[in-house]
Protein backbone atom coordinates (compact mmCIF):
# COMPACT_ATOMS: atom_id res chain seq x y z
CA MET A 1 -19.05 86.75 -51.90
CA SER A 2 -19.10 83.13 -50.79
CA THR A 3 -19.95 82.32 -47.09
CA THR A 4 -17.57 79.60 -46.91
CA LYS A 5 -13.95 79.47 -47.91
CA ALA A 6 -12.63 77.91 -51.14
CA ALA A 7 -9.96 76.01 -49.15
CA GLY A 8 -11.16 73.23 -46.74
CA THR A 9 -11.48 74.30 -43.09
CA SER A 10 -12.13 72.20 -39.91
CA ARG A 11 -15.38 73.13 -38.17
CA ASN A 12 -14.76 70.76 -35.23
CA ALA A 13 -11.14 71.66 -34.38
CA ARG A 14 -12.11 72.69 -30.70
CA ASP A 15 -11.33 70.83 -27.56
CA SER A 16 -12.94 71.03 -24.23
CA GLU A 17 -10.92 71.83 -21.09
CA PRO A 18 -9.83 68.77 -19.00
CA LYS A 19 -12.04 68.22 -15.88
CA TYR A 20 -9.36 66.70 -13.73
CA LEU A 21 -11.35 63.96 -12.14
CA GLY A 22 -10.24 61.15 -10.18
CA VAL A 23 -8.93 60.32 -6.63
CA LYS A 24 -7.20 63.21 -4.98
CA LEU A 25 -6.21 61.56 -1.63
CA PHE A 26 -5.29 57.86 -1.24
CA ALA A 27 -5.50 55.42 1.59
CA GLY A 28 -3.35 56.40 4.75
CA GLN A 29 -3.13 60.05 3.68
CA ARG A 30 -4.30 62.78 6.00
CA ALA A 31 -7.33 64.85 5.11
CA LYS A 32 -8.40 68.19 6.31
CA VAL A 33 -11.95 69.31 6.77
CA GLY A 34 -13.53 70.38 3.46
CA GLN A 35 -10.67 68.70 1.42
CA VAL A 36 -11.70 67.13 -1.91
CA LEU A 37 -11.18 63.35 -1.74
CA ILE A 38 -12.51 62.36 -5.08
CA ARG A 39 -13.93 64.20 -8.09
CA GLN A 40 -16.31 61.94 -10.09
CA ARG A 41 -19.16 61.97 -12.58
CA GLY A 42 -21.80 59.60 -11.10
CA THR A 43 -21.02 57.41 -8.02
CA GLN A 44 -18.26 55.16 -8.63
CA PHE A 45 -17.35 55.77 -4.97
CA ALA A 46 -19.91 56.21 -2.15
CA ALA A 47 -19.43 58.51 0.83
CA GLY A 48 -18.62 56.68 4.17
CA SER A 49 -18.23 57.95 7.61
CA ASN A 50 -17.11 61.73 7.87
CA VAL A 51 -17.47 62.09 4.12
CA LYS A 52 -20.16 64.03 2.37
CA GLU A 53 -21.20 64.18 -1.30
CA GLY A 54 -21.54 67.48 -3.05
CA GLY A 55 -23.85 68.39 -5.97
CA ASP A 56 -21.65 67.28 -8.67
CA ASN A 57 -20.96 63.86 -6.83
CA THR A 58 -17.59 65.21 -5.54
CA LEU A 59 -16.68 63.57 -2.21
CA PHE A 60 -15.16 65.74 0.58
CA ALA A 61 -14.03 65.37 4.25
CA LEU A 62 -16.17 66.51 7.02
CA ARG A 63 -13.39 65.96 9.69
CA ASP A 64 -9.64 65.93 9.96
CA GLY A 65 -8.33 62.39 9.74
CA VAL A 66 -6.91 59.53 7.74
CA VAL A 67 -8.39 58.32 4.38
CA ARG A 68 -9.51 54.61 4.29
CA PHE A 69 -11.30 52.64 1.59
CA SER A 70 -13.61 49.74 1.98
CA THR A 71 -16.03 47.64 -0.21
CA LYS A 72 -19.58 46.47 0.37
CA ARG A 73 -21.89 44.34 -1.56
CA LYS A 74 -25.18 46.20 -2.46
CA ARG A 75 -28.31 44.44 -3.83
CA ASN A 76 -29.88 46.48 -6.74
CA PHE A 77 -33.55 46.87 -7.27
CA ASN A 78 -33.34 44.06 -9.97
CA ASN A 79 -31.87 41.64 -7.38
CA ARG A 80 -28.30 41.94 -8.87
CA GLN A 81 -25.24 42.45 -6.54
CA ARG A 82 -22.89 45.36 -7.07
CA ILE A 83 -19.65 45.86 -5.17
CA LEU A 84 -19.55 49.44 -3.76
CA LYS A 85 -16.40 51.13 -3.10
CA ILE A 86 -16.80 53.48 0.08
CA ILE A 87 -14.42 56.14 1.25
CA HIS A 88 -14.13 56.91 4.84
CA VAL A 89 -12.11 59.64 6.92
CA ASP A 90 -11.04 58.06 10.33
CA PRO A 91 -10.55 60.81 12.84
CA VAL A 92 -7.13 60.90 14.59
CA SER A 93 -6.73 61.71 18.19
CA ARG A 94 -4.47 64.82 18.67
CA VAL A 95 -1.53 64.04 20.71
CA ALA A 96 0.64 67.20 21.28
């Protein structure tokens, strides 16, 4: 018997699962401790105050607060400038 079919079959008809990357909380929204702010591959966004970067470059909140974005100029090792996007979580005072 033949190991391949007589009719043409596609051997690359599989698709990978979506990774659901991107910004999860935008500026002005409230973040809770441990809540994911950005899922990313690489470092398009950098961690600012009260934000930590996980092993897969995911940024998450270290404190409750309001999300804020900012930019900063960073000089690379080859003397080129890069505009770095930074995400912060500003803590809010609890007024009951």
